[in-house]
PDB file of N, CA and C in Angstrom:
ATOM      1  N   MET A   1      73.134  51.956 -65.012  1.00  0.00           N
ATOM      2  CA  MET A   1      71.984  52.704 -64.867  1.00  0.00           C
ATOM      3  C   MET A   1      71.416  51.928 -63.844  1.00  0.00           C
ATOM      4  N   LEU A   2      71.007  50.975 -64.098  1.00  0.00           N
ATOM      5  CA  LEU A   2      70.072  50.297 -63.300  1.00  0.00           C
ATOM      6  C   LEU A   2      70.737  49.718 -61.946  1.00  0.00           C
ATOM      7  N   PRO A   3      69.865  49.544 -60.616  1.00  0.00           N
ATOM      8  CA  PRO A   3      70.381  49.183 -59.383  1.00  0.00           C
ATOM      9  C   PRO A   3      71.435  47.922 -59.607  1.00  0.00           C
ATOM     10  N   ALA A   4      71.831  47.753 -58.762  1.00  0.00           N
ATOM     11  CA  ALA A   4      73.497  47.002 -58.460  1.00  0.00           C
ATOM     12  C   ALA A   4      72.754  45.477 -58.630  1.00  0.00           C
ATOM     13  N   ALA A   5      71.564  45.256 -58.031  1.00  0.00           N
ATOM     14  CA  ALA A   5      70.777  44.117 -57.747  1.00  0.00           C
ATOM     15  C   ALA A   5      70.837  43.344 -59.275  1.00  0.00           C
ATOM     16  N   MET A   6      70.128  44.356 -60.176  1.00  0.00           N
ATOM     17  CA  MET A   6      70.039  43.582 -61.578  1.00  0.00           C
ATOM     18  C   MET A   6      71.433  42.943 -62.388  1.00  0.00           C
ATOM     19  N   THR A   7      72.515  43.524 -61.700  1.00  0.00           N
ATOM     20  CA  THR A   7      73.684  42.957 -62.531  1.00  0.00           C
ATOM     21  C   THR A   7      74.097  41.642 -61.723  1.00  0.00           C
ATOM     22  N   ARG A   8      73.233  40.817 -60.812  1.00  0.00           N
ATOM     23  CA  ARG A   8      73.731  39.651 -59.873  1.00  0.00           C
ATOM     24  C   ARG A   8      73.594  38.739 -60.933  1.00  0.00           C
ATOM     25  N   ILE A   9      74.518  37.772 -60.780  1.00  0.00           N
ATOM     26  CA  ILE A   9      74.884  36.685 -62.042  1.00  0.00           C
ATOM     27  C   ILE A   9      74.250  34.980 -61.161  1.00  0.00           C
ATOM     28  N   HIS A  10      73.859  34.330 -61.920  1.00  0.00           N
ATOM     29  CA  HIS A  10      73.353  33.238 -61.281  1.00  0.00           C
ATOM     30  C   HIS A  10      74.661  32.152 -60.924  1.00  0.00           C
ATOM     31  N   PRO A  11      74.840  31.476 -60.028  1.00  0.00           N
ATOM     32  CA  PRO A  11      76.279  30.821 -59.744  1.00  0.00           C
ATOM     33  C   PRO A  11      76.252  29.630 -60.851  1.00  0.00           C
ATOM     34  N   THR A  12      75.137  29.251 -60.971  1.00  0.00           N
ATOM     35  CA  THR A  12      75.145  27.951 -62.064  1.00  0.00           C
ATOM     36  C   THR A  12      75.188  28.218 -63.613  1.00  0.00           C
ATOM     37  N   TYR A  13      73.998  29.283 -63.601  1.00  0.00           N
ATOM     38  CA  TYR A  13      73.645  29.425 -65.478  1.00  0.00           C
ATOM     39  C   TYR A  13      74.461  30.770 -65.480  1.00  0.00           C
ATOM     40  N   HIS A  14      74.992  31.340 -64.972  1.00  0.00           N
ATOM     41  CA  HIS A  14      76.165  32.434 -65.514  1.00  0.00           C
ATOM     42  C   HIS A  14      74.999  33.575 -66.296  1.00  0.00           C
ATOM     43  N   THR A  15      73.982  33.736 -65.619  1.00  0.00           N
ATOM     44  CA  THR A  15      73.256  34.770 -66.531  1.00  0.00           C
ATOM     45  C   THR A  15      72.823  35.655 -65.761  1.00  0.00           C
ATOM     46  N   PRO A  16      72.279  37.056 -65.764  1.00  0.00           N
ATOM     47  CA  PRO A  16      71.872  37.852 -65.098  1.00  0.00           C
ATOM     48  C   PRO A  16      70.335  37.798 -64.637  1.00  0.00           C
ATOM     49  N   TYR A  17      70.038  36.792 -63.500  1.00  0.00           N
ATOM     50  CA  TYR A  17      68.793  36.264 -63.329  1.00  0.00           C
ATOM     51  C   TYR A  17      68.011  37.486 -62.773  1.00  0.00           C
ATOM     52  N   VAL A  18      68.348  38.326 -61.675  1.00  0.00           N
ATOM     53  CA  VAL A  18      67.348  39.049 -61.523  1.00  0.00           C
ATOM     54  C   VAL A  18      66.834  39.844 -62.579  1.00  0.00           C
ATOM     55  N   ALA A  19      67.773  40.439 -63.485  1.00  0.00           N
ATOM     56  CA  ALA A  19      67.279  41.218 -64.710  1.00  0.00           C
ATOM     57  C   ALA A  19      66.616  40.702 -65.591  1.00  0.00           C
ATOM     58  N   ILE A  20      66.725  39.232 -65.907  1.00  0.00           N
ATOM     59  CA  ILE A  20      65.624  38.278 -66.877  1.00  0.00           C
ATOM     60  C   ILE A  20      64.230  38.460 -65.515  1.00  0.00           C
ATOM     61  N   VAL A  21      64.418  37.997 -64.808  1.00  0.00           N
ATOM     62  CA  VAL A  21      63.180  38.060 -63.780  1.00  0.00           C
ATOM     63  C   VAL A  21      62.355  39.281 -63.825  1.00  0.00           C
ATOM     64  N   VAL A  22      63.056  40.606 -63.552  1.00  0.00           N
ATOM     65  CA  VAL A  22      62.364  41.653 -63.667  1.00  0.00           C
ATOM     66  C   VAL A  22      61.843  41.758 -65.013  1.00  0.00           C
ATOM     67  N   TYR A  23      62.273  41.788 -66.032  1.00  0.00           N
ATOM     68  CA  TYR A  23      62.275  41.782 -67.626  1.00  0.00           C
ATOM     69  C   TYR A  23      60.881  40.924 -67.705  1.00  0.00           C
ATOM     70  N   ALA A  24      60.759  40.045 -67.251  1.00  0.00           N
ATOM     71  CA  ALA A  24      59.818  39.019 -67.606  1.00  0.00           C
ATOM     72  C   ALA A  24      58.736  39.546 -66.907  1.00  0.00           C
ATOM     73  N   CYS A  25      58.599  39.968 -65.606  1.00  0.00           N
ATOM     74  CA  CYS A  25      57.431  40.731 -64.722  1.00  0.00           C
ATOM     75  C   CYS A  25      57.170  41.582 -65.857  1.00  0.00           C
ATOM     76  N   VAL A  26      57.887  42.805 -66.157  1.00  0.00           N
ATOM     77  CA  VAL A  26      57.370  43.690 -66.760  1.00  0.00           C
ATOM     78  C   VAL A  26      56.482  43.321 -68.128  1.00  0.00           C
ATOM     79  N   VAL A  27      57.010  42.583 -68.949  1.00  0.00           N
ATOM     80  CA  VAL A  27      56.760  42.226 -70.097  1.00  0.00           C
ATOM     81  C   VAL A  27      55.498  41.361 -70.094  1.00  0.00           C
ATOM     82  N   ALA A  28      55.063  40.421 -68.840  1.00  0.00           N
ATOM     83  CA  ALA A  28      53.930  39.917 -68.296  1.00  0.00           C
ATOM     84  C   ALA A  28      52.596  40.696 -68.176  1.00  0.00           C
ATOM     85  N   THR A  29      53.202  41.719 -67.555  1.00  0.00           N
ATOM     86  CA  THR A  29      52.318  42.661 -66.982  1.00  0.00           C
ATOM     87  C   THR A  29      51.851  43.617 -67.948  1.00  0.00           C
ATOM     88  N   LEU A  30      52.884  44.109 -69.066  1.00  0.00           N
ATOM     89  CA  LEU A  30      52.166  44.484 -70.435  1.00  0.00           C
ATOM     90  C   LEU A  30      51.597  43.679 -71.338  1.00  0.00           C
ATOM     91  N   ALA A  31      51.864  42.292 -71.226  1.00  0.00           N
ATOM     92  CA  ALA A  31      51.386  41.475 -72.267  1.00  0.00           C
ATOM     93  C   ALA A  31      49.571  41.182 -71.346  1.00  0.00           C
ATOM     94  N   ILE A  32      49.539  41.362 -70.265  1.00  0.00           N
ATOM     95  CA  ILE A  32      48.185  40.938 -69.265  1.00  0.00           C
ATOM     96  C   ILE A  32      47.445  42.319 -69.483  1.00  0.00           C
ATOM     97  N   SER A  33      47.692  43.468 -69.683  1.00  0.00           N
ATOM     98  CA  SER A  33      47.142  44.436 -69.502  1.00  0.00           C
ATOM     99  C   SER A  33      46.858  45.394 -71.078  1.00  0.00           C
ATOM    100  N   SER A  34      47.509  44.514 -71.839  1.00  0.00           N
ATOM    101  CA  SER A  34      47.409  44.995 -73.211  1.00  0.00           C
ATOM    102  C   SER A  34      46.926  43.971 -74.291  1.00  0.00           C
ATOM    103  N   SER A  35      46.752  44.383 -75.504  1.00  0.00           N
ATOM    104  CA  SER A  35      46.587  43.156 -76.778  1.00  0.00           C
ATOM    105  C   SER A  35      48.135  43.208 -77.220  1.00  0.00           C
ATOM    106  N   PHE A  36      48.166  42.151 -78.074  1.00  0.00           N
ATOM    107  CA  PHE A  36      49.828  41.512 -78.790  1.00  0.00           C
ATOM    108  C   PHE A  36      49.668  42.912 -79.651  1.00  0.00           C
ATOM    109  N   THR A  37      48.742  43.227 -80.205  1.00  0.00           N
ATOM    110  CA  THR A  37      48.734  44.481 -81.407  1.00  0.00           C
ATOM    111  C   THR A  37      49.481  45.557 -80.989  1.00  0.00           C
ATOM    112  N   GLN A  38      48.770  45.993 -79.873  1.00  0.00           N
ATOM    113  CA  GLN A  38      49.575  47.218 -79.017  1.00  0.00           C
ATOM    114  C   GLN A  38      50.733  47.050 -78.766  1.00  0.00           C
ATOM    115  N   LEU A  39      51.183  45.873 -78.257  1.00  0.00           N
ATOM    116  CA  LEU A  39      52.615  45.505 -77.897  1.00  0.00           C
ATOM    117  C   LEU A  39      53.395  45.819 -78.973  1.00  0.00           C
ATOM    118  N   ALA A  40      53.023  44.893 -79.960  1.00  0.00           N
ATOM    119  CA  ALA A  40      53.967  44.774 -81.408  1.00  0.00           C
ATOM    120  C   ALA A  40      54.130  46.633 -81.754  1.00  0.00           C
ATOM    121  N   ILE A  41      52.988  47.209 -81.867  1.00  0.00           N
ATOM    122  CA  ILE A  41      53.145  48.691 -82.096  1.00  0.00           C
ATOM    123  C   ILE A  41      53.729  49.432 -81.271  1.00  0.00           C
ATOM    124  N   LEU A  42      53.719  49.365 -80.093  1.00  0.00           N
ATOM    125  CA  LEU A  42      54.844  50.275 -79.310  1.00  0.00           C
ATOM    126  C   LEU A  42      56.316  49.749 -79.287  1.00  0.00           C
ATOM    127  N   ALA A  43      56.499  48.320 -79.417  1.00  0.00           N
ATOM    128  CA  ALA A  43      58.052  48.056 -79.697  1.00  0.00           C
ATOM    129  C   ALA A  43      58.432  48.925 -81.395  1.00  0.00           C
ATOM    130  N   ASN A  44      57.575  48.776 -82.172  1.00  0.00           N
ATOM    131  CA  ASN A  44      57.650  49.063 -83.351  1.00  0.00           C
ATOM    132  C   ASN A  44      58.068  50.864 -83.221  1.00  0.00           C
ATOM    133  N   VAL A  45      57.394  51.523 -82.404  1.00  0.00           N
ATOM    134  CA  VAL A  45      57.888  52.723 -82.453  1.00  0.00           C
ATOM    135  C   VAL A  45      58.825  53.103 -81.409  1.00  0.00           C
ATOM    136  N   ALA A  46      59.006  52.514 -80.535  1.00  0.00           N
ATOM    137  CA  ALA A  46      60.300  52.437 -79.702  1.00  0.00           C
ATOM    138  C   ALA A  46      61.759  52.299 -80.539  1.00  0.00           C
ATOM    139  N   ALA A  47      61.667  50.952 -81.491  1.00  0.00           N
ATOM    140  CA  ALA A  47      62.636  50.911 -82.335  1.00  0.00           C
ATOM    141  C   ALA A  47      62.882  51.877 -83.605  1.00  0.00           C
ATOM    142  N   LEU A  48      61.918  52.398 -84.131  1.00  0.00           N
ATOM    143  CA  LEU A  48      61.874  53.644 -85.162  1.00  0.00           C
ATOM    144  C   LEU A  48      62.197  54.821 -84.461  1.00  0.00           C
ATOM    145  N   THR A  49      62.084  55.155 -83.338  1.00  0.00           N
ATOM    146  CA  THR A  49      62.743  56.195 -82.579  1.00  0.00           C
ATOM    147  C   THR A  49      64.079  56.077 -82.348  1.00  0.00           C
ATOM    148  N   LEU A  50      64.733  54.997 -82.000  1.00  0.00           N
ATOM    149  CA  LEU A  50      65.916  54.436 -81.753  1.00  0.00           C
ATOM    150  C   LEU A  50      66.777  54.795 -82.849  1.00  0.00           C
ATOM    151  N   TYR A  51      66.096  54.214 -84.115  1.00  0.00           N
ATOM    152  CA  TYR A  51      66.797  54.284 -85.622  1.00  0.00           C
ATOM    153  C   TYR A  51      66.761  55.640 -86.030  1.00  0.00           C
ATOM    154  N   LEU A  52      65.959  56.366 -85.641  1.00  0.00           N
ATOM    155  CA  LEU A  52      65.946  58.130 -85.790  1.00  0.00           C
ATOM    156  C   LEU A  52      67.066  58.691 -85.065  1.00  0.00           C
ATOM    157  N   MET A  53      67.240  58.259 -83.955  1.00  0.00           N
ATOM    158  CA  MET A  53      68.257  58.889 -83.311  1.00  0.00           C
ATOM    159  C   MET A  53      69.730  58.585 -83.710  1.00  0.00           C
ATOM    160  N   CYS A  54      69.827  56.992 -84.211  1.00  0.00           N
ATOM    161  CA  CYS A  54      71.095  56.581 -84.790  1.00  0.00           C
ATOM    162  C   CYS A  54      71.232  57.333 -86.229  1.00  0.00           C
ATOM    163  N   VAL A  55      70.181  57.869 -87.122  1.00  0.00           N
ATOM    164  CA  VAL A  55      70.489  58.143 -88.103  1.00  0.00           C
ATOM    165  C   VAL A  55      70.826  59.893 -87.928  1.00  0.00           C
ATOM    166  N   ALA A  56      70.468  60.313 -86.984  1.00  0.00           N
ATOM    167  CA  ALA A  56      70.938  61.841 -86.836  1.00  0.00           C
ATOM    168  C   ALA A  56      72.202  61.605 -86.378  1.00  0.00           C
ATOM    169  N   ALA A  57      72.391  60.727 -85.081  1.00  0.00           N
ATOM    170  CA  ALA A  57      74.114  60.559 -84.807  1.00  0.00           C
ATOM    171  C   ALA A  57      74.740  60.467 -85.899  1.00  0.00           C
ATOM    172  N   SER A  58      74.705  59.467 -87.069  1.00  0.00           N
ATOM    173  CA  SER A  58      75.385  59.329 -87.759  1.00  0.00           C
ATOM    174  C   SER A  58      75.517  60.767 -88.824  1.00  0.00           C
ATOM    175  N   PHE A  59      74.430  61.262 -88.942  1.00  0.00           N
ATOM    176  CA  PHE A  59      74.670  62.863 -89.794  1.00  0.00           C
ATOM    177  C   PHE A  59      75.338  63.572 -89.064  1.00  0.00           C
ATOM    178  N   GLU A  60      75.282  63.680 -88.039  1.00  0.00           N
ATOM    179  CA  GLU A  60      76.061  64.640 -87.085  1.00  0.00           C
ATOM    180  C   GLU A  60      77.535  64.417 -86.968  1.00  0.00           C
ATOM    181  N   LEU A  61      77.973  63.253 -86.922  1.00  0.00           N
ATOM    182  CA  LEU A  61      79.353  62.312 -86.898  1.00  0.00           C
ATOM    183  C   LEU A  61      80.332  62.884 -88.253  1.00  0.00           C
ATOM    184  N   GLN A  62      79.344  62.563 -89.303  1.00  0.00           N
ATOM    185  CA  GLN A  62      79.661  62.856 -90.654  1.00  0.00           C
ATOM    186  C   GLN A  62      80.218  64.532 -90.867  1.00  0.00           C
ATOM    187  N   ARG A  63      79.195  65.071 -90.172  1.00  0.00           N
ATOM    188  CA  ARG A  63      79.267  66.381 -90.443  1.00  0.00           C
ATOM    189  C   ARG A  63      80.465  67.261 -89.767  1.00  0.00           C
ATOM    190  N   ARG A  64      80.429  66.416 -88.533  1.00  0.00           N
ATOM    191  CA  ARG A  64      81.943  67.050 -87.793  1.00  0.00           C
ATOM    192  C   ARG A  64      83.147  66.367 -87.960  1.00  0.00           C
ATOM    193  N   ASP A  65      83.131  65.385 -89.078  1.00  0.00           N
ATOM    194  CA  ASP A  65      84.497  64.665 -89.589  1.00  0.00           C
ATOM    195  C   ASP A  65      84.970  63.936 -88.139  1.00  0.00           C
ATOM    196  N   ILE A  66      84.038  63.436 -87.324  1.00  0.00           N
ATOM    197  CA  ILE A  66      84.688  62.687 -86.560  1.00  0.00           C
ATOM    198  C   ILE A  66      85.325  61.425 -86.652  1.00  0.00           C
ATOM    199  N   ARG A  67      86.569  61.111 -86.275  1.00  0.00           N
ATOM    200  CA  ARG A  67      87.430  59.719 -86.348  1.00  0.00           C
ATOM    201  C   ARG A  67      87.443  59.266 -85.183  1.00  0.00           C
ATOM    202  N   ALA A  68      87.286  57.910 -84.804  1.00  0.00           N
ATOM    203  CA  ALA A  68      87.697  57.128 -83.882  1.00  0.00           C
ATOM    204  C   ALA A  68      88.869  56.328 -84.196  1.00  0.00           C
ATOM    205  N   ASP A  69      89.332  55.976 -85.325  1.00  0.00           N
ATOM    206  CA  ASP A  69      90.457  55.019 -85.419  1.00  0.00           C
ATOM    207  C   ASP A  69      90.442  54.879 -87.055  1.00  0.00           C
ATOM    208  N   GLY A  70      91.443  55.881 -87.733  1.00  0.00           N
ATOM    209  CA  GLY A  70      91.568  55.617 -89.049  1.00  0.00           C
ATOM    210  C   GLY A  70      90.703  56.803 -89.744  1.00  0.00           C
ATOM    211  N   THR A  71      90.482  55.863 -91.020  1.00  0.00           N
ATOM    212  CA  THR A  71      89.500  56.787 -91.960  1.00  0.00           C
ATOM    213  C   THR A  71      87.810  56.140 -91.894  1.00  0.00           C
ATOM    214  N   PRO A  72      87.195  57.205 -91.393  1.00  0.00           N
ATOM    215  CA  PRO A  72      85.806  56.628 -91.228  1.00  0.00           C
ATOM    216  C   PRO A  72      85.080  56.247 -92.627  1.00  0.00           C
ATOM    217  N   PHE A  73      83.973  55.401 -92.055  1.00  0.00           N
ATOM    218  CA  PHE A  73      83.131  54.810 -93.469  1.00  0.00           C
ATOM    219  C   PHE A  73      82.194  55.876 -94.025  1.00  0.00           C
ATOM    220  N   ALA A  74      82.781  56.158 -95.207  1.00  0.00           N
ATOM    221  CA  ALA A  74      82.049  56.947 -96.148  1.00  0.00           C
ATOM    222  C   ALA A  74      80.726  56.317 -96.964  1.00  0.00           C
ATOM    223  N   VAL A  75      79.660  57.019 -96.855  1.00  0.00           N
ATOM    224  CA  VAL A  75      78.579  56.784 -97.749  1.00  0.00           C
ATOM    225  C   VAL A  75      78.265  57.222 -98.853  1.00  0.00           C
ATOM    226  N   PRO A  76      78.059  56.924-100.235  1.00  0.00           N
ATOM    227  CA  PRO A  76      78.036  57.588-101.301  1.00  0.00           C
ATOM    228  C   PRO A  76      76.975  58.582-100.940  1.00  0.00           C
ATOM    229  N   GLY A  77      76.890  59.850-101.507  1.00  0.00           N
ATOM    230  CA  GLY A  77      76.140  60.639-101.502  1.00  0.00           C
ATOM    231  C   GLY A  77      75.866  61.662-100.373  1.00  0.00           C
ATOM    232  N   GLY A  78      76.990  61.414 -99.495  1.00  0.00           N
ATOM    233  CA  GLY A  78      77.108  62.431 -98.459  1.00  0.00           C
ATOM    234  C   GLY A  78      75.754  62.073 -97.417  1.00  0.00           C
ATOM    235  N   PRO A  79      75.387  63.360 -97.273  1.00  0.00           N
ATOM    236  CA  PRO A  79      74.173  63.424 -96.189  1.00  0.00           C
ATOM    237  C   PRO A  79      72.954  63.053 -96.999  1.00  0.00           C
ATOM    238  N   ALA A  80      72.891  62.516 -98.425  1.00  0.00           N
ATOM    239  CA  ALA A  80      71.637  62.191 -98.731  1.00  0.00           C
ATOM    240  C   ALA A  80      70.945  61.003 -98.063  1.00  0.00           C
ATOM    241  N   ILE A  81      71.736  59.992 -97.797  1.00  0.00           N
ATOM    242  CA  ILE A  81      71.300  58.757 -97.085  1.00  0.00           C
ATOM    243  C   ILE A  81      70.533  58.774 -95.743  1.00  0.00           C
ATOM    244  N   PRO A  82      71.479  59.401 -95.060  1.00  0.00           N
ATOM    245  CA  PRO A  82      70.938  59.875 -93.633  1.00  0.00           C
ATOM    246  C   PRO A  82      69.307  60.449 -93.665  1.00  0.00           C
ATOM    247  N   ILE A  83      69.411  61.531 -94.562  1.00  0.00           N
ATOM    248  CA  ILE A  83      68.327  62.317 -94.731  1.00  0.00           C
ATOM    249  C   ILE A  83      67.172  61.655 -95.346  1.00  0.00           C
ATOM    250  N   ALA A  84      67.638  60.844 -96.367  1.00  0.00           N
ATOM    251  CA  ALA A  84      66.282  59.798 -96.445  1.00  0.00           C
ATOM    252  C   ALA A  84      65.739  58.919 -95.774  1.00  0.00           C
ATOM    253  N   ALA A  85      66.825  58.427 -95.042  1.00  0.00           N
ATOM    254  CA  ALA A  85      66.628  57.179 -93.979  1.00  0.00           C
ATOM    255  C   ALA A  85      65.354  58.007 -92.776  1.00  0.00           C
ATOM    256  N   ALA A  86      65.963  59.436 -92.760  1.00  0.00           N
ATOM    257  CA  ALA A  86      64.926  59.685 -91.622  1.00  0.00           C
ATOM    258  C   ALA A  86      63.623  60.473 -92.119  1.00  0.00           C
ATOM    259  N   ILE A  87      63.571  60.700 -93.556  1.00  0.00           N
ATOM    260  CA  ILE A  87      62.339  61.060 -94.119  1.00  0.00           C
ATOM    261  C   ILE A  87      61.458  59.500 -93.890  1.00  0.00           C
ATOM    262  N   VAL A  88      62.275  58.411 -94.009  1.00  0.00           N
ATOM    263  CA  VAL A  88      61.119  57.346 -94.021  1.00  0.00           C
ATOM    264  C   VAL A  88      60.923  56.553 -92.457  1.00  0.00           C
ATOM    265  N   ILE A  89      61.716  57.118 -91.986  1.00  0.00           N
ATOM    266  CA  ILE A  89      61.249  56.503 -90.311  1.00  0.00           C
ATOM    267  C   ILE A  89      60.325  57.650 -89.970  1.00  0.00           C
ATOM    268  N   LEU A  90      60.608  59.053 -90.144  1.00  0.00           N
ATOM    269  CA  LEU A  90      59.445  59.871 -89.831  1.00  0.00           C
ATOM    270  C   LEU A  90      57.696  59.646 -90.026  1.00  0.00           C
ATOM    271  N   TRP A  91      58.038  59.306 -91.481  1.00  0.00           N
ATOM    272  CA  TRP A  91      56.671  58.909 -92.525  1.00  0.00           C
ATOM    273  C   TRP A  91      56.051  57.516 -91.607  1.00  0.00           C
ATOM    274  N   LEU A  92      56.964  56.310 -91.246  1.00  0.00           N
ATOM    275  CA  LEU A  92      56.663  55.582 -90.729  1.00  0.00           C
ATOM    276  C   LEU A  92      55.949  55.816 -89.116  1.00  0.00           C
ATOM    277  N   LEU A  93      56.447  56.537 -88.549  1.00  0.00           N
ATOM    278  CA  LEU A  93      56.026  57.005 -87.292  1.00  0.00           C
ATOM    279  C   LEU A  93      54.959  58.167 -87.228  1.00  0.00           C
ATOM    280  N   SER A  94      54.309  58.555 -88.454  1.00  0.00           N
ATOM    281  CA  SER A  94      53.483  59.178 -88.476  1.00  0.00           C
ATOM    282  C   SER A  94      52.021  58.620 -88.344  1.00  0.00           C
ATOM    283  N   ASN A  95      52.185  57.081 -88.501  1.00  0.00           N
ATOM    284  CA  ASN A  95      51.201  56.228 -88.572  1.00  0.00           C
ATOM    285  C   ASN A  95      50.864  55.935 -86.935  1.00  0.00           C
ATOM    286  N   ALA A  96      51.575  56.407 -86.048  1.00  0.00           N
ATOM    287  CA  ALA A  96      51.490  55.901 -84.630  1.00  0.00           C
ATOM    288  C   ALA A  96      50.590  57.017 -83.823  1.00  0.00           C
ATOM    289  N   THR A  97      49.838  56.551 -83.124  1.00  0.00           N
ATOM    290  CA  THR A  97      48.898  57.011 -82.254  1.00  0.00           C
ATOM    291  C   THR A  97      49.551  58.016 -80.923  1.00  0.00           C
ATOM    292  N   ARG A  98      48.570  58.983 -80.774  1.00  0.00           N
ATOM    293  CA  ARG A  98      48.794  59.723 -79.699  1.00  0.00           C
ATOM    294  C   ARG A  98      49.352  59.089 -78.247  1.00  0.00           C
ATOM    295  N   ARG A  99      48.524  58.197 -78.069  1.00  0.00           N
ATOM    296  CA  ARG A  99      48.693  57.192 -76.662  1.00  0.00           C
ATOM    297  C   ARG A  99      50.267  56.550 -77.022  1.00  0.00           C
ATOM    298  N   GLU A 100      50.434  55.943 -78.347  1.00  0.00           N
ATOM    299  CA  GLU A 100      51.804  55.199 -78.340  1.00  0.00           C
ATOM    300  C   GLU A 100      52.853  56.205 -78.117  1.00  0.00           C
ATOM    301  N   PHE A 101      52.874  57.358 -78.618  1.00  0.00           N
ATOM    302  CA  PHE A 101      53.805  58.540 -78.616  1.00  0.00           C
ATOM    303  C   PHE A 101      53.653  58.552 -76.754  1.00  0.00           C
ATOM    304  N   LEU A 102      52.726  58.902 -76.049  1.00  0.00           N
ATOM    305  CA  LEU A 102      52.617  59.209 -74.615  1.00  0.00           C
ATOM    306  C   LEU A 102      53.512  58.161 -73.915  1.00  0.00           C
ATOM    307  N   VAL A 103      53.173  56.501 -74.257  1.00  0.00           N
ATOM    308  CA  VAL A 103      53.558  55.678 -73.433  1.00  0.00           C
ATOM    309  C   VAL A 103      54.947  55.811 -73.790  1.00  0.00           C
ATOM    310  N   GLU A 104      55.604  56.101 -75.084  1.00  0.00           N
ATOM    311  CA  GLU A 104      56.966  55.772 -75.351  1.00  0.00           C
ATOM    312  C   GLU A 104      57.850  57.165 -74.673  1.00  0.00           C
ATOM    313  N   ALA A 105      56.777  58.272 -74.669  1.00  0.00           N
ATOM    314  CA  ALA A 105      57.462  59.277 -73.467  1.00  0.00           C
ATOM    315  C   ALA A 105      57.724  59.103 -72.165  1.00  0.00           C
ATOM    316  N   ALA A 106      56.646  58.349 -71.755  1.00  0.00           N
ATOM    317  CA  ALA A 106      56.623  58.261 -70.236  1.00  0.00           C
ATOM    318  C   ALA A 106      57.709  56.900 -69.889  1.00  0.00           C
ATOM    319  N   VAL A 107      58.114  56.255 -70.748  1.00  0.00           N
ATOM    320  CA  VAL A 107      59.113  55.351 -70.398  1.00  0.00           C
ATOM    321  C   VAL A 107      60.637  56.048 -70.705  1.00  0.00           C
ATOM    322  N   LEU A 108      60.672  57.212 -71.283  1.00  0.00           N
ATOM    323  CA  LEU A 108      61.870  57.692 -71.860  1.00  0.00           C
ATOM    324  C   LEU A 108      62.097  58.631 -70.523  1.00  0.00           C
ATOM    325  N   GLY A 109      60.987  59.394 -70.077  1.00  0.00           N
ATOM    326  CA  GLY A 109      61.046  60.137 -69.028  1.00  0.00           C
ATOM    327  C   GLY A 109      61.327  59.560 -67.766  1.00  0.00           C
ATOM    328  N   ALA A 110      60.983  58.006 -67.303  1.00  0.00           N
ATOM    329  CA  ALA A 110      61.010  57.619 -66.398  1.00  0.00           C
ATOM    330  C   ALA A 110      62.903  56.892 -66.350  1.00  0.00           C
ATOM    331  N   ALA A 111      63.234  56.914 -67.581  1.00  0.00           N
ATOM    332  CA  ALA A 111      64.448  56.516 -67.395  1.00  0.00           C
ATOM    333  C   ALA A 111      65.468  57.359 -67.640  1.00  0.00           C
ATOM    334  N   SER A 112      65.313  58.777 -67.868  1.00  0.00           N
ATOM    335  CA  SER A 112      66.098  60.057 -68.092  1.00  0.00           C
ATOM    336  C   SER A 112      66.039  60.242 -66.381  1.00  0.00           C
ATOM    337  N   MET A 113      65.027  60.109 -65.685  1.00  0.00           N
ATOM    338  CA  MET A 113      65.001  60.512 -64.089  1.00  0.00           C
ATOM    339  C   MET A 113      65.878  59.349 -63.694  1.00  0.00           C
ATOM    340  N   LEU A 114      65.705  58.297 -63.782  1.00  0.00           N
ATOM    341  CA  LEU A 114      66.520  57.282 -63.041  1.00  0.00           C
ATOM    342  C   LEU A 114      67.908  57.502 -63.228  1.00  0.00           C
ATOM    343  N   TYR A 115      68.503  57.744 -64.739  1.00  0.00           N
ATOM    344  CA  TYR A 115      69.704  58.504 -64.783  1.00  0.00           C
ATOM    345  C   TYR A 115      70.387  59.523 -64.000  1.00  0.00           C
ATOM    346  N   SER A 116      69.132  60.737 -64.605  1.00  0.00           N
ATOM    347  CA  SER A 116      69.718  61.805 -63.509  1.00  0.00           C
ATOM    348  C   SER A 116      70.013  61.553 -62.022  1.00  0.00           C
ATOM    349  N   ILE A 117      68.903  60.784 -61.351  1.00  0.00           N
ATOM    350  CA  ILE A 117      69.142  60.383 -59.939  1.00  0.00           C
ATOM    351  C   ILE A 117      70.325  59.650 -59.688  1.00  0.00           C
ATOM    352  N   ARG A 118      70.834  58.600 -60.696  1.00  0.00           N
ATOM    353  CA  ARG A 118      71.812  58.026 -60.312  1.00  0.00           C
ATOM    354  C   ARG A 118      73.621  58.785 -60.521  1.00  0.00           C
ATOM    355  N   LYS A 119      73.123  59.864 -61.466  1.00  0.00           N
ATOM    356  CA  LYS A 119      74.338  60.486 -61.697  1.00  0.00           C
ATOM    357  C   LYS A 119      74.775  61.362 -60.695  1.00  0.00           C
ATOM    358  N   ALA A 120      73.390  62.038 -60.162  1.00  0.00           N
ATOM    359  CA  ALA A 120      73.559  63.035 -59.222  1.00  0.00           C
ATOM    360  C   ALA A 120      74.384  62.467 -57.881  1.00  0.00           C
ATOM    361  N   GLY A 121      73.852  61.362 -57.816  1.00  0.00           N
ATOM    362  CA  GLY A 121      74.488  60.384 -56.353  1.00  0.00           C
ATOM    363  C   GLY A 121      75.714  59.897 -56.546  1.00  0.00           C
ATOM    364  N   GLY A 122      76.464  60.238 -57.608  1.00  0.00           N
ATOM    365  CA  GLY A 122      77.732  59.879 -58.067  1.00  0.00           C
ATOM    366  C   GLY A 122      77.981  58.412 -58.667  1.00  0.00           C
ATOM    367  N   GLN A 123      76.562  57.470 -58.957  1.00  0.00           N
ATOM    368  CA  GLN A 123      76.950  56.169 -59.284  1.00  0.00           C
ATOM    369  C   GLN A 123      76.921  56.080 -60.832  1.00  0.00           C
ATOM    370  N   ARG A 124      77.451  55.360 -61.558  1.00  0.00           N
ATOM    371  CA  ARG A 124      77.676  55.303 -62.784  1.00  0.00           C
ATOM    372  C   ARG A 124      76.886  54.231 -63.267  1.00  0.00           C
TER     373      ARG A 124
END
């Protein structure tokens, strides 16, 4: 989804050096403009949102009985475990502030826009 320049590999260290530098600049900018506590909270809100999406996906895959290769892993209790996990995650997210949700929404919006632009342009 990102520009091709981000995939450049360093000839000696064999690492995606452009992506690392860009990531470091973004993190440094956030660290300078905010407190560590705010960054930790934003990271936790983002991670919890991702976990919530994974729980929703696991629930839906179980409901549809999707099988990739052989018999899928079955959790005892059926949908009770994903539902309980979603309740705990939502309870944890209920402690986040409006600003933290707005920042996360802005990041998700920007990523979605970048994805849409690249997809419309025929790039993968």
